[in-house]
Amino acid sequence: MMDALALSMATIAGFEGCRLRAYQDVAGIWTIGWGETAGVRPGLVWTQEQADAALRVRVAQFLLAVLQRCPALREAPPQRVAACVSLAYNIGAGAFGCSSVCRHVMAGKVHDAANSFLLWDKAGGRKVAGLARRRAAERTLFLSAGAHC
């Protein structure tokens, strides 16, 4: 799972970017660091070290949450796990657990699961180009592991 953790961190960091001052994301949610939302309030400032440490902790938490909600991923290649962790980090572990991505993975329907990533391209009820790009990249990462689940 260490490969999945490292790949998850790299994938998430590549999409989230890092901002050391609290800001509101496209959905109006206060965010800081590499996409951290827990406990963030206006005016909060972090160091790079705080942001990096928070990313490591949160990605590990999301990895465990994804594996708990979607046990079929425990035997999956790291690319497949990392794509799911990236999705969950962005939409929330609960939403991931209820998603068609998770349901299709559990059913062994790899291509249906991959295509379901593309459904998560909205924030605040409207389509967001950055989310569409992220979901397409997560889909590609998910499929890069090959056809077996």
C-alpha atoms as a PDB file:
ATOM      1  CA  MET A   1       0.000   0.000   0.000  1.00  0.00           C
ATOM      2  CA  MET A   2       3.010   2.318   0.275  1.00  0.00           C
ATOM      3  CA  ASP A   3       3.083   2.641  -3.510  1.00  0.00           C
ATOM      4  CA  ALA A   4      -0.610   3.574  -3.476  1.00  0.00           C
ATOM      5  CA  LEU A   5      -0.013   6.137  -0.716  1.00  0.00           C
ATOM      6  CA  ALA A   6       2.900   7.800  -2.537  1.00  0.00           C
ATOM      7  CA  LEU A   7       1.028   7.805  -5.850  1.00  0.00           C
ATOM      8  CA  SER A   8      -2.093   9.189  -4.135  1.00  0.00           C
ATOM      9  CA  MET A   9      -0.095  12.022  -2.591  1.00  0.00           C
ATOM     10  CA  ALA A  10       1.543  12.916  -5.892  1.00  0.00           C
ATOM     11  CA  THR A  11      -1.764  12.807  -7.765  1.00  0.00           C
ATOM     12  CA  ILE A  12      -3.593  14.918  -5.198  1.00  0.00           C
ATOM     13  CA  ALA A  13      -0.778  17.447  -4.881  1.00  0.00           C
ATOM     14  CA  GLY A  14      -0.667  17.814  -8.659  1.00  0.00           C
ATOM     15  CA  PHE A  15      -4.326  18.755  -8.808  1.00  0.00           C
ATOM     16  CA  GLU A  16      -4.799  20.670  -5.580  1.00  0.00           C
ATOM     17  CA  GLY A  17      -1.770  22.897  -5.740  1.00  0.00           C
ATOM     18  CA  CYS A  18      -0.601  24.438  -2.486  1.00  0.00           C
ATOM     19  CA  ARG A  19      -1.714  27.756  -1.072  1.00  0.00           C
ATOM     20  CA  LEU A  20      -0.464  28.811   2.340  1.00  0.00           C
ATOM     21  CA  ARG A  21      -3.192  31.376   3.022  1.00  0.00           C
ATOM     22  CA  ALA A  22      -6.814  30.310   3.509  1.00  0.00           C
ATOM     23  CA  TYR A  23      -9.031  30.888   0.478  1.00  0.00           C
ATOM     24  CA  GLN A  24     -12.490  29.919  -0.691  1.00  0.00           C
ATOM     25  CA  ASP A  25     -12.578  27.247  -3.396  1.00  0.00           C
ATOM     26  CA  VAL A  26     -14.983  27.251  -6.365  1.00  0.00           C
ATOM     27  CA  ALA A  27     -17.769  25.940  -4.115  1.00  0.00           C
ATOM     28  CA  GLY A  28     -17.093  28.614  -1.463  1.00  0.00           C
ATOM     29  CA  ILE A  29     -15.424  26.215   1.006  1.00  0.00           C
ATOM     30  CA  TRP A  30     -12.525  27.588   3.051  1.00  0.00           C
ATOM     31  CA  THR A  31      -9.375  25.731   2.032  1.00  0.00           C
ATOM     32  CA  ILE A  32      -5.632  25.871   2.741  1.00  0.00           C
ATOM     33  CA  GLY A  33      -2.482  23.937   1.882  1.00  0.00           C
ATOM     34  CA  TRP A  34      -2.968  21.055  -0.533  1.00  0.00           C
ATOM     35  CA  GLY A  35      -6.762  21.257  -0.450  1.00  0.00           C
ATOM     36  CA  GLU A  36      -7.284  20.906   3.295  1.00  0.00           C
ATOM     37  CA  THR A  37     -10.732  22.014   4.482  1.00  0.00           C
ATOM     38  CA  ALA A  38     -10.938  20.711   8.070  1.00  0.00           C
ATOM     39  CA  GLY A  39     -10.785  23.544  10.581  1.00  0.00           C
ATOM     40  CA  VAL A  40      -9.937  26.176   7.973  1.00  0.00           C
ATOM     41  CA  ARG A  41     -11.125  29.706   8.657  1.00  0.00           C
ATOM     42  CA  PRO A  42     -10.565  33.101   7.025  1.00  0.00           C
ATOM     43  CA  GLY A  43      -7.132  34.571   7.763  1.00  0.00           C
ATOM     44  CA  LEU A  44      -5.447  31.236   8.504  1.00  0.00           C
ATOM     45  CA  VAL A  45      -1.820  31.037   7.337  1.00  0.00           C
ATOM     46  CA  TRP A  46       0.379  27.916   7.229  1.00  0.00           C
ATOM     47  CA  THR A  47       4.021  27.202   6.572  1.00  0.00           C
ATOM     48  CA  GLN A  48       4.990  24.855   3.754  1.00  0.00           C
ATOM     49  CA  GLU A  49       5.942  22.275   6.377  1.00  0.00           C
ATOM     50  CA  GLN A  50       2.456  22.458   7.921  1.00  0.00           C
ATOM     51  CA  ALA A  51       0.846  22.040   4.512  1.00  0.00           C
ATOM     52  CA  ASP A  52       3.035  19.057   3.602  1.00  0.00           C
ATOM     53  CA  ALA A  53       2.456  17.367   6.963  1.00  0.00           C
ATOM     54  CA  ALA A  54      -1.311  17.865   6.691  1.00  0.00           C
ATOM     55  CA  LEU A  55      -1.272  16.354   3.197  1.00  0.00           C
ATOM     56  CA  ARG A  56       0.556  13.230   4.413  1.00  0.00           C
ATOM     57  CA  VAL A  57      -1.850  12.716   7.305  1.00  0.00           C
ATOM     58  CA  ARG A  58      -5.034  13.391   5.339  1.00  0.00           C
ATOM     59  CA  VAL A  59      -4.062  11.239   2.348  1.00  0.00           C
ATOM     60  CA  ALA A  60      -3.277   8.343   4.678  1.00  0.00           C
ATOM     61  CA  GLN A  61      -6.681   8.847   6.325  1.00  0.00           C
ATOM     62  CA  PHE A  62      -8.409   8.886   2.951  1.00  0.00           C
ATOM     63  CA  LEU A  63      -6.520   5.789   1.819  1.00  0.00           C
ATOM     64  CA  LEU A  64      -7.811   3.892   4.837  1.00  0.00           C
ATOM     65  CA  ALA A  65     -11.338   5.252   4.360  1.00  0.00           C
ATOM     66  CA  VAL A  66     -11.380   4.238   0.690  1.00  0.00           C
ATOM     67  CA  LEU A  67     -10.181   0.719   1.481  1.00  0.00           C
ATOM     68  CA  GLN A  68     -12.785   0.419   4.216  1.00  0.00           C
ATOM     69  CA  ARG A  69     -15.619   1.534   1.933  1.00  0.00           C
ATOM     70  CA  CYS A  70     -14.401  -0.389  -1.102  1.00  0.00           C
ATOM     71  CA  PRO A  71     -12.630  -3.579   0.102  1.00  0.00           C
ATOM     72  CA  ALA A  72     -12.120  -4.852  -3.466  1.00  0.00           C
ATOM     73  CA  LEU A  73      -9.396  -2.204  -3.791  1.00  0.00           C
ATOM     74  CA  ARG A  74      -7.267  -3.958  -1.153  1.00  0.00           C
ATOM     75  CA  GLU A  75      -5.986  -6.307  -3.861  1.00  0.00           C
ATOM     76  CA  ALA A  76      -6.002  -3.720  -6.654  1.00  0.00           C
ATOM     77  CA  PRO A  77      -2.922  -2.200  -8.309  1.00  0.00           C
ATOM     78  CA  PRO A  78      -1.627   1.048  -6.746  1.00  0.00           C
ATOM     79  CA  GLN A  79      -2.770   3.147  -9.731  1.00  0.00           C
ATOM     80  CA  ARG A  80      -6.359   2.051  -9.244  1.00  0.00           C
ATOM     81  CA  VAL A  81      -6.246   2.729  -5.514  1.00  0.00           C
ATOM     82  CA  ALA A  82      -4.582   6.134  -6.005  1.00  0.00           C
ATOM     83  CA  ALA A  83      -7.223   7.234  -8.512  1.00  0.00           C
ATOM     84  CA  CYS A  84      -9.948   6.354  -6.015  1.00  0.00           C
ATOM     85  CA  VAL A  85      -8.145   8.080  -3.141  1.00  0.00           C
ATOM     86  CA  SER A  86      -7.765  11.225  -5.245  1.00  0.00           C
ATOM     87  CA  LEU A  87     -11.485  11.177  -6.039  1.00  0.00           C
ATOM     88  CA  ALA A  88     -12.409  10.606  -2.380  1.00  0.00           C
ATOM     89  CA  TYR A  89     -10.062  13.382  -1.220  1.00  0.00           C
ATOM     90  CA  ASN A  90     -11.919  15.752  -3.509  1.00  0.00           C
ATOM     91  CA  ILE A  91     -15.541  14.633  -2.982  1.00  0.00           C
ATOM     92  CA  GLY A  92     -15.354  13.166   0.529  1.00  0.00           C
ATOM     93  CA  ALA A  93     -15.028   9.600   1.757  1.00  0.00           C
ATOM     94  CA  GLY A  94     -18.768   9.220   2.321  1.00  0.00           C
ATOM     95  CA  ALA A  95     -19.628  10.345  -1.190  1.00  0.00           C
ATOM     96  CA  PHE A  96     -16.985   8.004  -2.575  1.00  0.00           C
ATOM     97  CA  GLY A  97     -18.452   5.082  -0.626  1.00  0.00           C
ATOM     98  CA  CYS A  98     -21.887   5.766  -2.136  1.00  0.00           C
ATOM     99  CA  SER A  99     -20.547   6.444  -5.626  1.00  0.00           C
ATOM    100  CA  SER A 100     -20.979   4.399  -8.768  1.00  0.00           C
ATOM    101  CA  VAL A 101     -17.171   4.241  -8.921  1.00  0.00           C
ATOM    102  CA  CYS A 102     -17.127   2.253  -5.672  1.00  0.00           C
ATOM    103  CA  ARG A 103     -20.135   0.125  -6.631  1.00  0.00           C
ATOM    104  CA  HIS A 104     -18.598  -0.815  -9.982  1.00  0.00           C
ATOM    105  CA  VAL A 105     -15.212  -1.608  -8.418  1.00  0.00           C
ATOM    106  CA  MET A 106     -16.943  -3.892  -5.923  1.00  0.00           C
ATOM    107  CA  ALA A 107     -18.778  -5.605  -8.808  1.00  0.00           C
ATOM    108  CA  GLY A 108     -15.534  -6.057 -10.778  1.00  0.00           C
ATOM    109  CA  LYS A 109     -16.706  -3.732 -13.568  1.00  0.00           C
ATOM    110  CA  VAL A 110     -13.448  -1.920 -14.202  1.00  0.00           C
ATOM    111  CA  HIS A 111     -14.461   0.062 -17.289  1.00  0.00           C
ATOM    112  CA  ASP A 112     -17.794   1.092 -15.782  1.00  0.00           C
ATOM    113  CA  ALA A 113     -15.943   2.249 -12.657  1.00  0.00           C
ATOM    114  CA  ALA A 114     -13.463   4.203 -14.769  1.00  0.00           C
ATOM    115  CA  ASN A 115     -16.228   5.920 -16.712  1.00  0.00           C
ATOM    116  CA  SER A 116     -18.018   6.815 -13.490  1.00  0.00           C
ATOM    117  CA  PHE A 117     -15.140   9.111 -12.487  1.00  0.00           C
ATOM    118  CA  LEU A 118     -16.315  11.458 -15.213  1.00  0.00           C
ATOM    119  CA  LEU A 119     -19.647  12.026 -13.448  1.00  0.00           C
ATOM    120  CA  TRP A 120     -17.947  13.975 -10.642  1.00  0.00           C
ATOM    121  CA  ASP A 121     -17.185  17.165 -12.589  1.00  0.00           C
ATOM    122  CA  LYS A 122     -19.458  19.619 -10.769  1.00  0.00           C
ATOM    123  CA  ALA A 123     -19.119  22.001  -7.825  1.00  0.00           C
ATOM    124  CA  GLY A 124     -22.068  23.941  -6.508  1.00  0.00           C
ATOM    125  CA  GLY A 125     -24.244  22.222  -9.108  1.00  0.00           C
ATOM    126  CA  ARG A 126     -22.315  23.490 -12.110  1.00  0.00           C
ATOM    127  CA  LYS A 127     -19.729  21.834 -14.313  1.00  0.00           C
ATOM    128  CA  VAL A 128     -16.163  22.962 -13.600  1.00  0.00           C
ATOM    129  CA  ALA A 129     -13.490  22.573 -16.281  1.00  0.00           C
ATOM    130  CA  GLY A 130     -10.755  21.880 -13.705  1.00  0.00           C
ATOM    131  CA  LEU A 131     -12.797  19.070 -12.178  1.00  0.00           C
ATOM    132  CA  ALA A 132     -13.478  17.606 -15.609  1.00  0.00           C
ATOM    133  CA  ARG A 133      -9.695  17.560 -16.276  1.00  0.00           C
ATOM    134  CA  ARG A 134      -9.023  15.992 -12.887  1.00  0.00           C
ATOM    135  CA  ARG A 135     -11.651  13.286 -13.384  1.00  0.00           C
ATOM    136  CA  ALA A 136     -10.288  12.466 -16.848  1.00  0.00           C
ATOM    137  CA  ALA A 137      -6.776  12.129 -15.396  1.00  0.00           C
ATOM    138  CA  GLU A 138      -8.043   9.967 -12.514  1.00  0.00           C
ATOM    139  CA  ARG A 139      -9.867   7.774 -15.036  1.00  0.00           C
ATOM    140  CA  THR A 140      -6.657   7.408 -17.064  1.00  0.00           C
ATOM    141  CA  LEU A 141      -4.672   6.552 -13.925  1.00  0.00           C
ATOM    142  CA  PHE A 142      -7.323   4.024 -12.881  1.00  0.00           C
ATOM    143  CA  LEU A 143      -7.180   2.302 -16.280  1.00  0.00           C
ATOM    144  CA  SER A 144      -3.368   2.408 -16.481  1.00  0.00           C
ATOM    145  CA  ALA A 145      -3.291  -0.560 -14.112  1.00  0.00           C
ATOM    146  CA  GLY A 146      -4.709  -2.916 -16.758  1.00  0.00           C
ATOM    147  CA  ALA A 147      -8.000  -4.719 -17.131  1.00  0.00           C
ATOM    148  CA  HIS A 148      -8.032  -6.910 -14.019  1.00  0.00           C
ATOM    149  CA  CYS A 149      -9.559  -5.757 -10.754  1.00  0.00           C
END
